[in-house]
Amino acid sequence: MAKLIIVGGGIGGLAAALAVARQGHGVLVLERAPQFAEIGAGIQLAPNGLHALDRLGLGDAVRSTAVQMDELRFMDGVTGERVAGLDLTEAYRERFGNPYAVVHRAELHTKLLEACRAAEGIELRSAATATGYEQDAAGATVVLEDGERLTADALIGADGIHSAIRGQLVGDGAPRNSGITVYRAIIPMEQVPEELRHLTSVTWWTGPGCHFVHYPIAGGKYLNLAASSDNKAVEAVAGVPATDGDIRREFASLGEDAQRLLALGEGWKSWVLVDRDPVDTWTDGRVALLGDAAHPMLHYVAQGACQGLEDAVVLGDLLDCGAGELPQRFEKFNAERRERTGRIQLLARESIKLWHTSGAAASDRNAVLAGFSRDELHDYVAWMHGHRTDDTATAATAATAAALTAPNGDQR
């Protein structure tokens, strides 16, 4: 069988390692950090992400520590009014075959890492920073920062939005700065007043030029807080500490309940949100991109991790081949994934209008959302949440996706 190198030891890279190794290939995963670890806080997993984890043999392990949600709750953050809710209970779970769950990002990463360490054929190497690649007809070579070269039959770049492999393969420069800053914090649930805990919902509070989302993680021990402000940030910072004063200033327009929750946050850190435009091609011979290296997206439809997991499973399924066929299988992977991921990238951008409107536009938005029935809301998300990596998409699902993401389509 073949030997592959995966650059990037995050969620997508480790998932890809598991999927590829199951085809009998050898895998070397390179991580630039001193150790394999994941930063960040909460992460949302729709049924499509859990389906992918089921395919990797980790679905039960993730569900055992995840918190299953009963509702995606949409609140007018200024008035405190509950506008609408996407029901995630029995009908949703039966239709899409899995719950909607939230986990701590580190918990998910740890389960993937443990599975990789236990798997035959997977080697993990940290403190290895890739700067580019070389290739010929026989193989691909990753070039490391210290000049070392490692050669295999193929190379997968899963090294995130600032991917060095993408920089060479696509060459599209720096990521696109959205100008939106997200502030994140985690607080022990015991510190949250009972009436504000919302233990089984992902709750959004929307306001003019901002919104605030929270949900429980770590089995309900903590509340994950993420507040986004369209503050026209010009520098794409990551993990920079923020003060309580920053939070009060940026989210002063939100009402009493949202303010009470924000005031509980401690140790806030900030990130300026970045993404990239969809591209048609993310393969080059024996080199391919995956996850955020291929299709980085804003977090407004909570699909970034799910799409990386889907990538891993689809790629693994396609690599039931020898080393000589890898370039062709990479091209097929690209062709199968680019339309779906590109639609989600663009929808995530478009969704900013949903969260950050004000005045009459916000009132109109509220009226439209409140008018949806449960089944209509399920229909709206079906093309994303209901997708299974082991199923062929139905014509109805494809038509729904096209309608939702058409330039002049109804984005609601």
Protein backbone atom coordinates (compact mmCIF):
# COMPACT_ATOMS: atom_id res chain seq x y z
CA MET A 1 0.00 0.00 0.00
CA ALA A 2 0.95 3.68 -0.03
CA LYS A 3 2.58 6.00 2.48
CA LEU A 4 1.02 9.44 2.99
CA ILE A 5 2.13 12.49 4.95
CA ILE A 6 -0.52 14.70 6.52
CA VAL A 7 0.57 18.21 7.48
CA GLY A 8 -1.52 19.39 10.43
CA GLY A 9 -2.55 17.58 13.58
CA GLY A 10 -5.88 19.29 14.24
CA ILE A 11 -9.35 17.78 14.00
CA GLY A 12 -9.31 17.45 10.20
CA GLY A 13 -5.76 16.10 9.99
CA LEU A 14 -6.26 13.44 12.66
CA ALA A 15 -9.63 12.40 11.22
CA ALA A 16 -8.00 12.06 7.80
CA ALA A 17 -5.21 9.95 9.29
CA LEU A 18 -7.75 7.53 10.74
CA ALA A 19 -9.73 7.33 7.51
CA VAL A 20 -6.65 6.80 5.34
CA ALA A 21 -5.05 4.26 7.68
CA ARG A 22 -8.21 2.16 7.56
CA GLN A 23 -7.47 1.55 3.89
CA GLY A 24 -4.18 -0.04 4.90
CA HIS A 25 -1.96 2.93 4.05
CA GLY A 26 0.81 4.17 6.29
CA VAL A 27 0.40 7.74 7.58
CA LEU A 28 2.79 10.25 9.10
CA VAL A 29 1.07 13.24 10.73
CA LEU A 30 3.18 16.35 11.21
CA GLU A 31 2.19 19.01 13.75
CA ARG A 32 4.05 22.31 14.03
CA ALA A 33 3.26 22.82 17.73
CA PRO A 34 5.51 21.26 20.40
CA GLN A 35 2.75 18.78 21.17
CA PHE A 36 -0.52 17.58 19.71
CA ALA A 37 -3.19 19.69 21.38
CA GLU A 38 -6.22 21.77 20.50
CA ILE A 39 -6.96 25.31 21.61
CA GLY A 40 -10.36 26.96 21.66
CA ALA A 41 -13.57 26.33 23.50
CA GLY A 42 -16.91 24.92 22.42
CA ILE A 43 -17.73 23.34 19.11
CA GLN A 44 -21.11 22.45 17.62
CA LEU A 45 -21.64 19.13 15.86
CA ALA A 46 -24.69 18.80 13.65
CA PRO A 47 -25.83 15.28 12.65
CA ASN A 48 -23.65 15.33 9.51
CA GLY A 49 -20.54 15.73 11.68
CA LEU A 50 -21.64 12.94 13.99
CA HIS A 51 -22.33 10.70 10.99
CA ALA A 52 -18.74 11.24 9.90
CA LEU A 53 -17.51 10.38 13.40
CA ASP A 54 -19.65 7.23 13.30
CA ARG A 55 -17.85 6.27 10.10
CA LEU A 56 -14.53 6.75 11.91
CA GLY A 57 -15.69 4.58 14.81
CA LEU A 58 -15.81 7.49 17.28
CA GLY A 59 -19.48 8.47 17.26
CA ASP A 60 -20.40 6.70 20.49
CA ALA A 61 -17.32 8.02 22.29
CA VAL A 62 -18.10 11.61 21.30
CA ARG A 63 -21.80 11.33 22.11
CA SER A 64 -20.92 9.97 25.57
CA THR A 65 -19.36 13.28 26.65
CA ALA A 66 -21.21 15.69 24.38
CA VAL A 67 -24.28 17.63 25.48
CA GLN A 68 -27.23 16.96 23.20
CA MET A 69 -29.22 20.07 22.36
CA ASP A 70 -33.00 20.33 22.19
CA GLU A 71 -33.18 23.70 20.47
CA LEU A 72 -31.28 26.35 18.52
CA ARG A 73 -32.87 29.38 20.16
CA PHE A 74 -32.92 32.74 18.37
CA MET A 75 -33.40 35.76 20.65
CA ASP A 76 -33.74 39.44 19.90
CA GLY A 77 -30.82 40.56 22.03
CA VAL A 78 -32.12 44.11 22.39
CA THR A 79 -35.68 43.39 23.51
CA GLY A 80 -35.02 39.97 25.07
CA GLU A 81 -37.82 38.50 22.97
CA ARG A 82 -37.62 34.84 21.92
CA VAL A 83 -38.05 35.08 18.18
CA ALA A 84 -37.83 31.48 16.99
CA GLY A 85 -36.34 28.12 17.77
CA LEU A 86 -35.13 25.24 15.64
CA ASP A 87 -36.44 22.16 17.43
CA LEU A 88 -33.77 19.47 17.79
CA THR A 89 -35.73 16.82 19.64
CA GLU A 90 -37.35 13.61 18.45
CA ALA A 91 -38.53 14.64 14.97
CA TYR A 92 -35.17 16.23 14.13
CA ARG A 93 -33.13 13.29 15.42
CA GLU A 94 -35.33 10.77 13.62
CA ARG A 95 -35.15 12.68 10.34
CA PHE A 96 -31.39 13.29 10.38
CA GLY A 97 -30.30 10.11 12.18
CA ASN A 98 -28.29 11.78 14.94
CA PRO A 99 -28.66 14.50 17.57
CA TYR A 100 -27.24 18.02 17.46
CA ALA A 101 -24.48 18.09 20.06
CA VAL A 102 -21.95 20.47 21.58
CA VAL A 103 -18.55 19.51 22.94
CA HIS A 104 -15.37 21.12 24.12
CA ARG A 105 -13.02 21.30 21.14
CA ALA A 106 -10.22 19.73 23.19
CA GLU A 107 -12.45 16.76 24.07
CA LEU A 108 -13.10 15.98 20.42
CA HIS A 109 -9.45 16.43 19.52
CA THR A 110 -8.36 14.15 22.38
CA LYS A 111 -10.63 11.34 21.19
CA LEU A 112 -9.23 11.61 17.66
CA LEU A 113 -5.68 11.73 19.00
CA GLU A 114 -6.16 8.67 21.20
CA ALA A 115 -7.62 6.75 18.26
CA CYS A 116 -4.63 7.69 16.09
CA ARG A 117 -2.18 6.60 18.78
CA ALA A 118 -3.95 3.28 19.05
CA ALA A 119 -4.16 2.68 15.31
CA GLU A 120 -1.68 0.63 13.33
CA GLY A 121 0.13 2.48 10.61
CA ILE A 122 -0.17 6.02 12.02
CA GLU A 123 2.94 7.88 13.18
CA LEU A 124 2.65 11.23 14.96
CA ARG A 125 5.42 13.82 14.95
CA SER A 126 5.22 17.22 16.66
CA ALA A 127 7.47 20.30 16.41
CA ALA A 128 7.61 19.85 12.62
CA THR A 129 6.74 23.02 10.71
CA ALA A 130 6.09 22.62 7.00
CA THR A 131 7.02 25.44 4.64
CA GLY A 132 6.21 23.91 1.25
CA TYR A 133 6.43 20.84 -0.92
CA GLU A 134 8.11 19.27 -3.93
CA GLN A 135 6.91 16.40 -6.07
CA ASP A 136 7.65 14.24 -9.07
CA ALA A 137 5.92 11.37 -10.80
CA ALA A 138 6.85 8.94 -8.02
CA GLY A 139 6.06 10.87 -4.84
CA ALA A 140 5.67 14.09 -2.86
CA THR A 141 8.11 15.68 -0.44
CA VAL A 142 7.26 18.07 2.38
CA VAL A 143 9.92 20.66 3.14
CA LEU A 144 10.30 21.53 6.82
CA GLU A 145 11.40 24.82 8.34
CA ASP A 146 14.78 23.41 9.36
CA GLY A 147 15.44 22.20 5.82
CA GLU A 148 14.59 18.56 6.41
CA ARG A 149 12.71 16.83 3.58
CA LEU A 150 10.30 13.96 4.10
CA THR A 151 9.06 11.97 1.12
CA ALA A 152 6.01 9.77 0.70
CA ASP A 153 3.66 8.65 -2.05
CA ALA A 154 1.37 11.65 -1.43
CA LEU A 155 0.89 14.69 0.78
CA ILE A 156 -2.26 16.11 2.39
CA GLY A 157 -2.26 19.69 3.65
CA ALA A 158 -4.55 19.94 6.67
CA ASP A 159 -2.64 22.84 8.20
CA GLY A 160 -5.48 25.30 8.59
CA ILE A 161 -6.42 28.67 7.19
CA HIS A 162 -2.79 29.84 7.12
CA SER A 163 -1.71 26.64 5.36
CA ALA A 164 1.80 26.68 3.94
CA ILE A 165 0.76 23.90 1.57
CA ARG A 166 -2.16 25.99 0.27
CA GLY A 167 0.14 28.98 -0.06
CA GLN A 168 2.14 27.09 -2.64
CA LEU A 169 -0.71 25.13 -4.23
CA VAL A 170 -3.34 27.88 -4.56
CA GLY A 171 -1.24 30.98 -3.98
CA ASP A 172 -4.13 33.23 -2.95
CA GLY A 173 -2.24 35.24 -0.34
CA ALA A 174 -3.47 36.18 3.09
CA PRO A 175 -6.94 35.19 4.33
CA ARG A 176 -9.85 37.59 3.93
CA ASN A 177 -10.43 39.74 7.02
CA SER A 178 -14.13 39.94 7.91
CA GLY A 179 -13.61 42.92 10.22
CA ILE A 180 -15.54 41.04 12.92
CA THR A 181 -14.01 40.28 16.31
CA VAL A 182 -15.21 37.32 18.37
CA TYR A 183 -14.61 37.30 22.13
CA ARG A 184 -14.60 33.94 23.89
CA ALA A 185 -14.73 32.81 27.51
CA ILE A 186 -15.76 29.75 29.52
CA ILE A 187 -17.42 29.93 32.94
CA PRO A 188 -18.35 27.21 35.46
CA MET A 189 -22.06 26.47 35.18
CA GLU A 190 -22.45 26.80 38.95
CA GLN A 191 -21.76 30.53 38.56
CA VAL A 192 -24.65 30.99 36.12
CA PRO A 193 -28.09 31.87 37.55
CA GLU A 194 -30.43 28.94 36.97
CA GLU A 195 -32.88 30.98 34.91
CA LEU A 196 -30.11 31.82 32.43
CA ARG A 197 -28.44 28.43 32.03
CA HIS A 198 -30.44 27.12 29.04
CA LEU A 199 -28.88 23.68 29.55
CA THR A 200 -30.31 22.11 26.40
CA SER A 201 -30.12 24.94 23.89
CA VAL A 202 -27.66 26.88 21.80
CA THR A 203 -28.89 30.42 22.40
CA TRP A 204 -28.19 33.42 20.19
CA TRP A 205 -28.81 37.03 21.22
CA THR A 206 -28.73 39.32 18.18
CA GLY A 207 -28.14 43.05 18.12
CA PRO A 208 -27.09 45.91 15.84
CA GLY A 209 -23.69 44.98 14.47
CA CYS A 210 -23.19 42.23 17.05
CA HIS A 211 -24.49 39.01 18.51
CA PHE A 212 -23.80 36.71 21.44
CA VAL A 213 -24.08 32.91 21.58
CA HIS A 214 -23.76 30.52 24.52
CA TYR A 215 -24.21 26.82 25.21
CA PRO A 216 -23.08 24.21 27.76
CA ILE A 217 -19.95 22.11 27.21
CA ALA A 218 -17.96 19.44 29.09
CA GLY A 219 -21.07 17.52 30.02
CA GLY A 220 -22.76 20.69 31.24
CA LYS A 221 -20.00 21.68 33.68
CA TYR A 222 -19.23 24.90 31.84
CA LEU A 223 -21.01 27.52 29.78
CA ASN A 224 -19.24 28.49 26.57
CA LEU A 225 -19.58 32.19 25.67
CA ALA A 226 -18.82 33.65 22.23
CA ALA A 227 -19.71 37.25 21.43
CA SER A 228 -19.12 38.73 17.96
CA SER A 229 -18.82 42.43 17.13
CA ASP A 230 -18.62 43.96 13.67
CA ASN A 231 -16.07 46.49 14.93
CA LYS A 232 -14.21 46.88 11.61
CA ALA A 233 -11.04 45.33 13.02
CA VAL A 234 -8.15 45.76 10.61
CA GLU A 235 -5.59 43.43 12.17
CA ALA A 236 -6.31 39.70 12.13
CA VAL A 237 -5.33 38.89 15.71
CA ALA A 238 -5.79 35.50 17.38
CA GLY A 239 -6.10 34.70 21.09
CA VAL A 240 -5.43 38.24 22.29
CA PRO A 241 -6.68 38.97 25.84
CA ALA A 242 -9.65 41.33 26.11
CA THR A 243 -10.91 43.30 29.09
CA ASP A 244 -14.32 43.43 30.71
CA GLY A 245 -14.43 47.01 29.50
CA ASP A 246 -14.03 45.85 25.90
CA ILE A 247 -17.00 43.53 26.33
CA ARG A 248 -19.20 46.19 27.93
CA ARG A 249 -18.38 48.68 25.18
CA GLU A 250 -18.78 46.34 22.23
CA PHE A 251 -22.09 44.85 23.41
CA ALA A 252 -23.72 47.79 25.15
CA SER A 253 -26.73 47.58 22.82
CA LEU A 254 -27.80 44.17 24.14
CA GLY A 255 -30.48 43.85 26.78
CA GLU A 256 -30.49 42.86 30.43
CA ASP A 257 -30.31 39.05 30.25
CA ALA A 258 -27.52 39.05 27.69
CA GLN A 259 -25.63 41.63 29.76
CA ARG A 260 -25.95 39.50 32.91
CA LEU A 261 -24.36 36.56 31.13
CA LEU A 262 -21.60 38.61 29.54
CA ALA A 263 -20.74 40.10 32.92
CA LEU A 264 -19.96 36.61 34.23
CA GLY A 265 -17.22 36.03 31.67
CA GLU A 266 -13.61 36.05 32.84
CA GLY A 267 -10.37 35.72 30.95
CA TRP A 268 -11.86 36.86 27.66
CA LYS A 269 -9.74 36.36 24.54
CA SER A 270 -10.36 37.75 21.09
CA TRP A 271 -9.99 36.59 17.52
CA VAL A 272 -10.65 38.51 14.32
CA LEU A 273 -12.62 36.25 12.00
CA VAL A 274 -11.05 35.39 8.66
CA ASP A 275 -11.96 33.13 5.78
CA ARG A 276 -11.15 32.65 2.10
CA ASP A 277 -13.05 32.62 -1.16
CA PRO A 278 -14.07 29.19 -2.46
CA VAL A 279 -11.70 27.77 -5.07
CA ASP A 280 -12.36 25.10 -7.68
CA THR A 281 -9.05 23.31 -7.34
CA TRP A 282 -7.25 22.26 -4.17
CA THR A 283 -5.20 19.39 -5.59
CA ASP A 284 -1.89 19.34 -7.42
CA GLY A 285 -0.81 15.90 -8.57
CA ARG A 286 0.11 14.00 -5.43
CA VAL A 287 -0.78 16.89 -3.13
CA ALA A 288 -4.26 17.74 -1.80
CA LEU A 289 -5.78 20.11 0.75
CA LEU A 290 -8.37 19.23 3.38
CA GLY A 291 -10.53 21.05 5.94
CA ASP A 292 -9.72 24.70 6.65
CA ALA A 293 -6.71 24.53 4.34
CA ALA A 294 -9.11 23.80 1.47
CA HIS A 295 -12.29 25.70 2.38
CA PRO A 296 -12.00 27.88 5.50
CA MET A 297 -15.32 29.40 6.53
CA LEU A 298 -16.75 31.79 9.08
CA HIS A 299 -18.44 30.12 12.03
CA TYR A 300 -21.93 31.48 11.41
CA VAL A 301 -23.44 28.16 10.30
CA ALA A 302 -21.33 26.08 12.73
CA GLN A 303 -20.06 23.74 10.01
CA GLY A 304 -16.28 24.17 9.97
CA ALA A 305 -15.41 21.06 11.97
CA CYS A 306 -18.24 19.07 10.41
CA GLN A 307 -16.93 19.79 6.92
CA GLY A 308 -13.40 18.77 7.91
CA LEU A 309 -14.75 15.49 9.27
CA GLU A 310 -16.77 14.92 6.10
CA ASP A 311 -13.63 15.58 4.03
CA ALA A 312 -11.71 12.97 5.97
CA VAL A 313 -14.31 10.24 5.49
CA VAL A 314 -14.84 10.96 1.79
CA LEU A 315 -11.10 10.98 1.16
CA GLY A 316 -10.61 7.77 3.09
CA ASP A 317 -13.33 6.05 1.08
CA LEU A 318 -11.68 7.11 -2.17
CA LEU A 319 -8.21 5.91 -1.24
CA ASP A 320 -8.95 2.21 -1.63
CA CYS A 321 -6.21 2.13 -4.22
CA GLY A 322 -2.50 1.78 -4.77
CA ALA A 323 0.06 4.57 -4.84
CA GLY A 324 -0.14 4.97 -8.61
CA GLU A 325 -3.80 6.02 -8.50
CA LEU A 326 -3.50 8.64 -5.75
CA PRO A 327 -3.43 11.73 -8.04
CA GLN A 328 -6.63 10.65 -9.77
CA ARG A 329 -8.35 9.86 -6.46
CA PHE A 330 -7.33 13.29 -5.12
CA GLU A 331 -8.96 14.90 -8.14
CA LYS A 332 -12.15 12.93 -7.53
CA PHE A 333 -12.12 13.99 -3.87
CA ASN A 334 -11.79 17.62 -4.93
CA ALA A 335 -14.65 17.26 -7.43
CA GLU A 336 -16.95 15.59 -4.90
CA ARG A 337 -16.37 18.13 -2.14
CA ARG A 338 -15.85 21.56 -3.70
CA GLU A 339 -19.47 22.43 -4.52
CA ARG A 340 -20.86 21.53 -1.10
CA THR A 341 -18.10 23.20 0.88
CA GLY A 342 -18.13 26.29 -1.35
CA ARG A 343 -21.88 26.73 -0.79
CA ILE A 344 -21.40 26.55 2.94
CA GLN A 345 -18.52 29.06 2.85
CA LEU A 346 -20.73 31.58 1.04
CA LEU A 347 -23.76 30.89 3.20
CA ALA A 348 -21.69 31.51 6.32
CA ARG A 349 -20.79 34.95 4.99
CA GLU A 350 -24.35 35.69 3.96
CA SER A 351 -25.59 34.73 7.43
CA ILE A 352 -23.93 37.81 8.95
CA LYS A 353 -27.00 39.71 7.76
CA LEU A 354 -29.17 37.45 9.90
CA TRP A 355 -27.24 38.15 13.10
CA HIS A 356 -26.23 41.80 12.85
CA THR A 357 -29.23 43.71 11.46
CA SER A 358 -30.96 46.53 13.33
CA GLY A 359 -34.07 48.67 13.31
CA ALA A 360 -36.76 47.89 10.75
CA ALA A 361 -34.59 45.23 9.12
CA ALA A 362 -34.34 43.39 12.45
CA SER A 363 -38.10 43.62 12.94
CA ASP A 364 -38.70 42.22 9.46
CA ARG A 365 -36.20 39.42 10.13
CA ASN A 366 -37.95 38.55 13.38
CA ALA A 367 -41.34 38.40 11.68
CA VAL A 368 -40.04 36.07 8.95
CA LEU A 369 -38.30 33.72 11.37
CA ALA A 370 -41.29 33.60 13.72
CA GLY A 371 -43.48 32.54 10.80
CA PHE A 372 -41.61 29.32 10.09
CA SER A 373 -43.09 26.03 11.24
CA ARG A 374 -40.96 23.32 12.81
CA ASP A 375 -40.91 21.29 9.61
CA GLU A 376 -40.04 24.31 7.48
CA LEU A 377 -37.03 25.04 9.68
CA HIS A 378 -35.96 21.41 9.40
CA ASP A 379 -36.32 21.63 5.62
CA TYR A 380 -34.14 24.73 5.61
CA VAL A 381 -31.16 22.99 7.26
CA ALA A 382 -31.68 19.55 5.72
CA TRP A 383 -29.06 19.93 2.99
CA MET A 384 -26.40 20.62 5.61
CA HIS A 385 -27.45 18.72 8.72
CA GLY A 386 -28.91 15.72 6.91
CA HIS A 387 -25.91 15.03 4.69
CA ARG A 388 -24.31 11.62 5.11
CA THR A 389 -20.91 10.76 3.71
CA ASP A 390 -22.13 7.25 2.91
CA ASP A 391 -25.27 8.34 1.06
CA THR A 392 -25.89 9.69 -2.42
CA ALA A 393 -27.55 13.09 -2.22
CA THR A 394 -31.14 13.07 -3.43
CA ALA A 395 -32.31 15.40 -6.14
CA ALA A 396 -34.47 17.19 -3.59
CA THR A 397 -31.50 17.85 -1.31
CA ALA A 398 -29.43 19.16 -4.21
CA ALA A 399 -32.26 21.44 -5.32
CA THR A 400 -32.66 22.79 -1.78
CA ALA A 401 -28.94 23.55 -1.55
CA ALA A 402 -28.98 25.36 -4.88
CA ALA A 403 -31.98 27.48 -3.87
CA LEU A 404 -30.48 28.45 -0.53
CA THR A 405 -27.19 29.60 -1.97
CA ALA A 406 -28.18 31.13 -5.30
CA PRO A 407 -27.00 34.77 -5.61
CA ASN A 408 -30.57 36.05 -5.67
CA GLY A 409 -32.10 33.21 -3.72
CA ASP A 410 -34.14 33.40 -0.53
CA GLN A 411 -31.58 33.44 2.28
CA ARG A 412 -34.20 34.12 4.95
